[in-house]
Amino acid sequence: MLEHPPYSPDLASSDFHLFPNHTKFLRGKRFSPNEEVIAAVSEYFEELPENHFREGINEVGNRWRKCIELKGEYTEE
């Protein structure tokens, strides 16, 4: 088990791997009924390569190591 701050977005796989690309996919789009949002999000996830989530989880280990090496001062820019 590795110690880390309670709020550390650099180490949360959803913050660095999932949401930035999802945000780019939705940028500039407008949705009227909720069904349009649901359809757009479903489309996004269906188009992801099969190994997308595995790669994101694997990258967490690299980020943790970097954070530890820099004594918690690591942030992704």
PDB file of N, CA and C in Angstrom:
ATOM      1  N   MET A   1       0.846  -1.170   0.000  1.00  0.00           N
ATOM      2  CA  MET A   1       0.000   0.000   0.000  1.00  0.00           C
ATOM      3  C   MET A   1       0.893   1.235   0.000  1.00  0.00           C
ATOM      4  N   LEU A   2       0.533   2.203  -0.820  1.00  0.00           N
ATOM      5  CA  LEU A   2       1.301   3.431  -0.916  1.00  0.00           C
ATOM      6  C   LEU A   2       0.517   4.575  -0.286  1.00  0.00           C
ATOM      7  N   GLU A   3       1.205   5.384   0.498  1.00  0.00           N
ATOM      8  CA  GLU A   3       0.566   6.553   1.083  1.00  0.00           C
ATOM      9  C   GLU A   3       0.487   7.651   0.030  1.00  0.00           C
ATOM     10  N   HIS A   4      -0.619   8.352   0.015  1.00  0.00           N
ATOM     11  CA  HIS A   4      -0.766   9.487  -0.884  1.00  0.00           C
ATOM     12  C   HIS A   4      -1.814  10.419  -0.306  1.00  0.00           C
ATOM     13  N   PRO A   5      -1.805  11.667  -0.722  1.00  0.00           N
ATOM     14  CA  PRO A   5      -2.779  12.625  -0.197  1.00  0.00           C
ATOM     15  C   PRO A   5      -4.206  12.171  -0.502  1.00  0.00           C
ATOM     16  N   PRO A   6      -5.172  12.550   0.341  1.00  0.00           N
ATOM     17  CA  PRO A   6      -6.557  12.138   0.102  1.00  0.00           C
ATOM     18  C   PRO A   6      -7.113  12.654  -1.215  1.00  0.00           C
ATOM     19  N   TYR A   7      -6.653  13.827  -1.663  1.00  0.00           N
ATOM     20  CA  TYR A   7      -7.082  14.342  -2.960  1.00  0.00           C
ATOM     21  C   TYR A   7      -5.845  14.472  -3.830  1.00  0.00           C
ATOM     22  N   SER A   8      -5.705  13.579  -4.752  1.00  0.00           N
ATOM     23  CA  SER A   8      -4.524  13.579  -5.605  1.00  0.00           C
ATOM     24  C   SER A   8      -4.942  13.234  -7.030  1.00  0.00           C
ATOM     25  N   PRO A   9      -5.422  14.213  -7.808  1.00  0.00           N
ATOM     26  CA  PRO A   9      -5.922  13.914  -9.145  1.00  0.00           C
ATOM     27  C   PRO A   9      -4.876  13.325 -10.076  1.00  0.00           C
ATOM     28  N   ASP A  10      -3.614  13.568  -9.816  1.00  0.00           N
ATOM     29  CA  ASP A  10      -2.584  12.989 -10.663  1.00  0.00           C
ATOM     30  C   ASP A  10      -2.531  11.476 -10.525  1.00  0.00           C
ATOM     31  N   LEU A  11      -3.071  10.968  -9.425  1.00  0.00           N
ATOM     32  CA  LEU A  11      -3.025   9.530  -9.191  1.00  0.00           C
ATOM     33  C   LEU A  11      -4.379   8.869  -9.392  1.00  0.00           C
ATOM     34  N   ALA A  12      -5.381   9.613  -9.721  1.00  0.00           N
ATOM     35  CA  ALA A  12      -6.709   9.053  -9.972  1.00  0.00           C
ATOM     36  C   ALA A  12      -6.829   8.757 -11.462  1.00  0.00           C
ATOM     37  N   SER A  13      -6.955   7.481 -11.797  1.00  0.00           N
ATOM     38  CA  SER A  13      -6.961   7.106 -13.216  1.00  0.00           C
ATOM     39  C   SER A  13      -8.084   7.782 -13.993  1.00  0.00           C
ATOM     40  N   SER A  14      -9.210   8.024 -13.356  1.00  0.00           N
ATOM     41  CA  SER A  14     -10.313   8.672 -14.074  1.00  0.00           C
ATOM     42  C   SER A  14      -9.964  10.110 -14.436  1.00  0.00           C
ATOM     43  N   ASP A  15      -9.218  10.798 -13.575  1.00  0.00           N
ATOM     44  CA  ASP A  15      -8.889  12.193 -13.835  1.00  0.00           C
ATOM     45  C   ASP A  15      -7.852  12.362 -14.938  1.00  0.00           C
ATOM     46  N   PHE A  16      -6.899  11.463 -15.035  1.00  0.00           N
ATOM     47  CA  PHE A  16      -5.857  11.677 -16.033  1.00  0.00           C
ATOM     48  C   PHE A  16      -6.052  10.845 -17.294  1.00  0.00           C
ATOM     49  N   HIS A  17      -6.866   9.813 -17.241  1.00  0.00           N
ATOM     50  CA  HIS A  17      -6.973   8.941 -18.405  1.00  0.00           C
ATOM     51  C   HIS A  17      -8.354   9.003 -19.060  1.00  0.00           C
ATOM     52  N   LEU A  18      -9.395   9.080 -18.285  1.00  0.00           N
ATOM     53  CA  LEU A  18     -10.736   9.006 -18.846  1.00  0.00           C
ATOM     54  C   LEU A  18     -11.329  10.374 -19.155  1.00  0.00           C
ATOM     55  N   PHE A  19     -11.355  11.256 -18.181  1.00  0.00           N
ATOM     56  CA  PHE A  19     -12.087  12.510 -18.350  1.00  0.00           C
ATOM     57  C   PHE A  19     -11.489  13.483 -19.354  1.00  0.00           C
ATOM     58  N   PRO A  20     -10.180  13.664 -19.446  1.00  0.00           N
ATOM     59  CA  PRO A  20      -9.673  14.632 -20.432  1.00  0.00           C
ATOM     60  C   PRO A  20     -10.102  14.305 -21.865  1.00  0.00           C
ATOM     61  N   ASN A  21      -9.997  13.054 -22.270  1.00  0.00           N
ATOM     62  CA  ASN A  21     -10.391  12.682 -23.633  1.00  0.00           C
ATOM     63  C   ASN A  21     -11.906  12.734 -23.803  1.00  0.00           C
ATOM     64  N   HIS A  22     -12.616  12.359 -22.775  1.00  0.00           N
ATOM     65  CA  HIS A  22     -14.081  12.403 -22.827  1.00  0.00           C
ATOM     66  C   HIS A  22     -14.537  13.853 -22.961  1.00  0.00           C
ATOM     67  N   THR A  23     -13.900  14.742 -22.247  1.00  0.00           N
ATOM     68  CA  THR A  23     -14.226  16.168 -22.313  1.00  0.00           C
ATOM     69  C   THR A  23     -13.973  16.706 -23.723  1.00  0.00           C
ATOM     70  N   LYS A  24     -12.852  16.311 -24.317  1.00  0.00           N
ATOM     71  CA  LYS A  24     -12.548  16.751 -25.687  1.00  0.00           C
ATOM     72  C   LYS A  24     -13.603  16.246 -26.664  1.00  0.00           C
ATOM     73  N   PHE A  25     -14.045  15.003 -26.472  1.00  0.00           N
ATOM     74  CA  PHE A  25     -15.056  14.415 -27.352  1.00  0.00           C
ATOM     75  C   PHE A  25     -16.363  15.205 -27.285  1.00  0.00           C
ATOM     76  N   LEU A  26     -16.738  15.666 -26.096  1.00  0.00           N
ATOM     77  CA  LEU A  26     -18.005  16.372 -25.914  1.00  0.00           C
ATOM     78  C   LEU A  26     -17.907  17.875 -26.149  1.00  0.00           C
ATOM     79  N   ARG A  27     -16.692  18.408 -26.227  1.00  0.00           N
ATOM     80  CA  ARG A  27     -16.497  19.850 -26.365  1.00  0.00           C
ATOM     81  C   ARG A  27     -17.237  20.412 -27.577  1.00  0.00           C
ATOM     82  N   GLY A  28     -17.958  21.490 -27.342  1.00  0.00           N
ATOM     83  CA  GLY A  28     -18.641  22.194 -28.409  1.00  0.00           C
ATOM     84  C   GLY A  28     -19.971  21.587 -28.833  1.00  0.00           C
ATOM     85  N   LYS A  29     -20.329  20.449 -28.261  1.00  0.00           N
ATOM     86  CA  LYS A  29     -21.599  19.816 -28.624  1.00  0.00           C
ATOM     87  C   LYS A  29     -22.698  20.303 -27.686  1.00  0.00           C
ATOM     88  N   ARG A  30     -23.892  20.370 -28.200  1.00  0.00           N
ATOM     89  CA  ARG A  30     -25.064  20.773 -27.407  1.00  0.00           C
ATOM     90  C   ARG A  30     -26.078  19.648 -27.459  1.00  0.00           C
ATOM     91  N   PHE A  31     -26.701  19.419 -26.311  1.00  0.00           N
ATOM     92  CA  PHE A  31     -27.675  18.345 -26.200  1.00  0.00           C
ATOM     93  C   PHE A  31     -28.976  18.915 -25.672  1.00  0.00           C
ATOM     94  N   SER A  32     -30.066  18.440 -26.228  1.00  0.00           N
ATOM     95  CA  SER A  32     -31.366  18.922 -25.789  1.00  0.00           C
ATOM     96  C   SER A  32     -31.969  17.936 -24.782  1.00  0.00           C
ATOM     97  N   PRO A  33     -32.486  16.825 -25.221  1.00  0.00           N
ATOM     98  CA  PRO A  33     -32.995  15.877 -24.224  1.00  0.00           C
ATOM     99  C   PRO A  33     -31.858  15.027 -23.653  1.00  0.00           C
ATOM    100  N   ASN A  34     -32.095  14.452 -22.494  1.00  0.00           N
ATOM    101  CA  ASN A  34     -31.097  13.597 -21.852  1.00  0.00           C
ATOM    102  C   ASN A  34     -30.682  12.431 -22.741  1.00  0.00           C
ATOM    103  N   GLU A  35     -31.589  11.968 -23.573  1.00  0.00           N
ATOM    104  CA  GLU A  35     -31.286  10.828 -24.436  1.00  0.00           C
ATOM    105  C   GLU A  35     -30.127  11.139 -25.389  1.00  0.00           C
ATOM    106  N   GLU A  36     -30.004  12.383 -25.812  1.00  0.00           N
ATOM    107  CA  GLU A  36     -28.888  12.769 -26.693  1.00  0.00           C
ATOM    108  C   GLU A  36     -27.553  12.675 -25.951  1.00  0.00           C
ATOM    109  N   VAL A  37     -27.541  13.085 -24.705  1.00  0.00           N
ATOM    110  CA  VAL A  37     -26.314  12.988 -23.896  1.00  0.00           C
ATOM    111  C   VAL A  37     -25.952  11.522 -23.699  1.00  0.00           C
ATOM    112  N   ILE A  38     -26.926  10.729 -23.345  1.00  0.00           N
ATOM    113  CA  ILE A  38     -26.692   9.299 -23.125  1.00  0.00           C
ATOM    114  C   ILE A  38     -26.158   8.652 -24.399  1.00  0.00           C
ATOM    115  N   ALA A  39     -26.731   8.980 -25.533  1.00  0.00           N
ATOM    116  CA  ALA A  39     -26.279   8.419 -26.808  1.00  0.00           C
ATOM    117  C   ALA A  39     -24.846   8.849 -27.123  1.00  0.00           C
ATOM    118  N   ALA A  40     -24.510  10.104 -26.876  1.00  0.00           N
ATOM    119  CA  ALA A  40     -23.154  10.606 -27.160  1.00  0.00           C
ATOM    120  C   ALA A  40     -22.122   9.930 -26.266  1.00  0.00           C
ATOM    121  N   VAL A  41     -22.439   9.783 -24.994  1.00  0.00           N
ATOM    122  CA  VAL A  41     -21.502   9.133 -24.064  1.00  0.00           C
ATOM    123  C   VAL A  41     -21.347   7.657 -24.439  1.00  0.00           C
ATOM    124  N   SER A  42     -22.436   7.004 -24.776  1.00  0.00           N
ATOM    125  CA  SER A  42     -22.371   5.601 -25.200  1.00  0.00           C
ATOM    126  C   SER A  42     -21.510   5.459 -26.445  1.00  0.00           C
ATOM    127  N   GLU A  43     -21.678   6.364 -27.391  1.00  0.00           N
ATOM    128  CA  GLU A  43     -20.873   6.347 -28.622  1.00  0.00           C
ATOM    129  C   GLU A  43     -19.394   6.478 -28.287  1.00  0.00           C
ATOM    130  N   TYR A  44     -19.072   7.402 -27.387  1.00  0.00           N
ATOM    131  CA  TYR A  44     -17.676   7.609 -26.993  1.00  0.00           C
ATOM    132  C   TYR A  44     -17.064   6.314 -26.460  1.00  0.00           C
ATOM    133  N   PHE A  45     -17.757   5.680 -25.522  1.00  0.00           N
ATOM    134  CA  PHE A  45     -17.212   4.465 -24.908  1.00  0.00           C
ATOM    135  C   PHE A  45     -17.151   3.300 -25.892  1.00  0.00           C
ATOM    136  N   GLU A  46     -18.107   3.197 -26.796  1.00  0.00           N
ATOM    137  CA  GLU A  46     -18.109   2.121 -27.786  1.00  0.00           C
ATOM    138  C   GLU A  46     -16.943   2.252 -28.765  1.00  0.00           C
ATOM    139  N   GLU A  47     -16.500   3.483 -29.020  1.00  0.00           N
ATOM    140  CA  GLU A  47     -15.417   3.704 -29.980  1.00  0.00           C
ATOM    141  C   GLU A  47     -14.020   3.557 -29.379  1.00  0.00           C
ATOM    142  N   LEU A  48     -13.929   3.432 -28.063  1.00  0.00           N
ATOM    143  CA  LEU A  48     -12.617   3.278 -27.432  1.00  0.00           C
ATOM    144  C   LEU A  48     -12.013   1.928 -27.806  1.00  0.00           C
ATOM    145  N   PRO A  49     -10.696   1.874 -27.997  1.00  0.00           N
ATOM    146  CA  PRO A  49     -10.065   0.585 -28.270  1.00  0.00           C
ATOM    147  C   PRO A  49     -10.222  -0.351 -27.071  1.00  0.00           C
ATOM    148  N   GLU A  50     -10.178  -1.620 -27.340  1.00  0.00           N
ATOM    149  CA  GLU A  50     -10.404  -2.622 -26.294  1.00  0.00           C
ATOM    150  C   GLU A  50      -9.430  -2.489 -25.129  1.00  0.00           C
ATOM    151  N   ASN A  51      -8.207  -2.068 -25.388  1.00  0.00           N
ATOM    152  CA  ASN A  51      -7.192  -1.996 -24.335  1.00  0.00           C
ATOM    153  C   ASN A  51      -7.134  -0.625 -23.638  1.00  0.00           C
ATOM    154  N   HIS A  52      -8.060   0.264 -23.931  1.00  0.00           N
ATOM    155  CA  HIS A  52      -8.030   1.628 -23.392  1.00  0.00           C
ATOM    156  C   HIS A  52      -7.949   1.650 -21.863  1.00  0.00           C
ATOM    157  N   PHE A  53      -8.798   0.917 -21.198  1.00  0.00           N
ATOM    158  CA  PHE A  53      -8.833   0.961 -19.734  1.00  0.00           C
ATOM    159  C   PHE A  53      -7.644   0.239 -19.116  1.00  0.00           C
ATOM    160  N   ARG A  54      -7.200  -0.831 -19.747  1.00  0.00           N
ATOM    161  CA  ARG A  54      -6.019  -1.553 -19.255  1.00  0.00           C
ATOM    162  C   ARG A  54      -4.802  -0.634 -19.281  1.00  0.00           C
ATOM    163  N   GLU A  55      -4.638   0.116 -20.359  1.00  0.00           N
ATOM    164  CA  GLU A  55      -3.506   1.045 -20.461  1.00  0.00           C
ATOM    165  C   GLU A  55      -3.589   2.124 -19.388  1.00  0.00           C
ATOM    166  N   GLY A  56      -4.782   2.620 -19.128  1.00  0.00           N
ATOM    167  CA  GLY A  56      -4.953   3.639 -18.098  1.00  0.00           C
ATOM    168  C   GLY A  56      -4.582   3.132 -16.720  1.00  0.00           C
ATOM    169  N   ILE A  57      -5.015   1.918 -16.394  1.00  0.00           N
ATOM    170  CA  ILE A  57      -4.687   1.329 -15.093  1.00  0.00           C
ATOM    171  C   ILE A  57      -3.189   1.085 -14.994  1.00  0.00           C
ATOM    172  N   ASN A  58      -2.572   0.605 -16.070  1.00  0.00           N
ATOM    173  CA  ASN A  58      -1.125   0.381 -16.055  1.00  0.00           C
ATOM    174  C   ASN A  58      -0.364   1.687 -15.843  1.00  0.00           C
ATOM    175  N   GLU A  59      -0.866   2.771 -16.376  1.00  0.00           N
ATOM    176  CA  GLU A  59      -0.192   4.063 -16.250  1.00  0.00           C
ATOM    177  C   GLU A  59      -0.237   4.590 -14.817  1.00  0.00           C
ATOM    178  N   VAL A  60      -1.220   4.159 -14.028  1.00  0.00           N
ATOM    179  CA  VAL A  60      -1.304   4.601 -12.630  1.00  0.00           C
ATOM    180  C   VAL A  60      -0.016   4.238 -11.891  1.00  0.00           C
ATOM    181  N   GLY A  61       0.499   3.041 -12.124  1.00  0.00           N
ATOM    182  CA  GLY A  61       1.740   2.621 -11.463  1.00  0.00           C
ATOM    183  C   GLY A  61       2.904   3.536 -11.797  1.00  0.00           C
ATOM    184  N   ASN A  62       3.017   3.934 -13.051  1.00  0.00           N
ATOM    185  CA  ASN A  62       4.086   4.851 -13.451  1.00  0.00           C
ATOM    186  C   ASN A  62       3.939   6.204 -12.759  1.00  0.00           C
ATOM    187  N   ARG A  63       2.719   6.686 -12.663  1.00  0.00           N
ATOM    188  CA  ARG A  63       2.478   7.978 -12.009  1.00  0.00           C
ATOM    189  C   ARG A  63       2.782   7.889 -10.517  1.00  0.00           C
ATOM    190  N   TRP A  64       2.408   6.789  -9.882  1.00  0.00           N
ATOM    191  CA  TRP A  64       2.707   6.621  -8.459  1.00  0.00           C
ATOM    192  C   TRP A  64       4.213   6.642  -8.224  1.00  0.00           C
ATOM    193  N   ARG A  65       4.949   5.892  -9.064  1.00  0.00           N
ATOM    194  CA  ARG A  65       6.409   5.861  -8.902  1.00  0.00           C
ATOM    195  C   ARG A  65       7.005   7.256  -9.054  1.00  0.00           C
ATOM    196  N   LYS A  66       6.539   7.989 -10.055  1.00  0.00           N
ATOM    197  CA  LYS A  66       7.047   9.337 -10.287  1.00  0.00           C
ATOM    198  C   LYS A  66       6.732  10.239  -9.098  1.00  0.00           C
ATOM    199  N   CYS A  67       5.538  10.130  -8.570  1.00  0.00           N
ATOM    200  CA  CYS A  67       5.128  10.929  -7.415  1.00  0.00           C
ATOM    201  C   CYS A  67       6.000  10.607  -6.201  1.00  0.00           C
ATOM    202  N   ILE A  68       6.287   9.334  -5.990  1.00  0.00           N
ATOM    203  CA  ILE A  68       7.120   8.921  -4.852  1.00  0.00           C
ATOM    204  C   ILE A  68       8.542   9.423  -5.029  1.00  0.00           C
ATOM    205  N   GLU A  69       9.093   9.287  -6.240  1.00  0.00           N
ATOM    206  CA  GLU A  69      10.458   9.755  -6.507  1.00  0.00           C
ATOM    207  C   GLU A  69      10.596  11.247  -6.231  1.00  0.00           C
ATOM    208  N   LEU A  70       9.545  12.017  -6.522  1.00  0.00           N
ATOM    209  CA  LEU A  70       9.580  13.466  -6.331  1.00  0.00           C
ATOM    210  C   LEU A  70       8.974  13.895  -4.991  1.00  0.00           C
ATOM    211  N   LYS A  71       8.797  12.904  -4.093  1.00  0.00           N
ATOM    212  CA  LYS A  71       8.284  13.142  -2.737  1.00  0.00           C
ATOM    213  C   LYS A  71       6.963  13.900  -2.738  1.00  0.00           C
ATOM    214  N   GLY A  72       6.071  13.477  -3.628  1.00  0.00           N
ATOM    215  CA  GLY A  72       4.728  14.038  -3.665  1.00  0.00           C
ATOM    216  C   GLY A  72       4.576  15.318  -4.445  1.00  0.00           C
ATOM    217  N   GLU A  73       5.641  15.806  -5.039  1.00  0.00           N
ATOM    218  CA  GLU A  73       5.580  17.081  -5.759  1.00  0.00           C
ATOM    219  C   GLU A  73       5.178  16.901  -7.223  1.00  0.00           C
ATOM    220  N   TYR A  74       4.909  15.699  -7.651  1.00  0.00           N
ATOM    221  CA  TYR A  74       4.612  15.433  -9.056  1.00  0.00           C
ATOM    222  C   TYR A  74       3.187  15.889  -9.418  1.00  0.00           C
ATOM    223  N   THR A  75       3.097  16.635 -10.513  1.00  0.00           N
ATOM    224  CA  THR A  75       1.804  16.932 -11.104  1.00  0.00           C
ATOM    225  C   THR A  75       1.959  16.835 -12.609  1.00  0.00           C
ATOM    226  N   GLU A  76       0.953  16.329 -13.253  1.00  0.00           N
ATOM    227  CA  GLU A  76       0.967  16.201 -14.713  1.00  0.00           C
ATOM    228  C   GLU A  76       0.539  17.526 -15.306  1.00  0.00           C
ATOM    229  N   GLU A  77       1.248  18.015 -16.289  1.00  0.00           N
ATOM    230  CA  GLU A  77       0.892  19.275 -16.931  1.00  0.00           C
ATOM    231  C   GLU A  77       0.415  19.041 -18.322  1.00  0.00           C
TER     232      GLU A  77
END
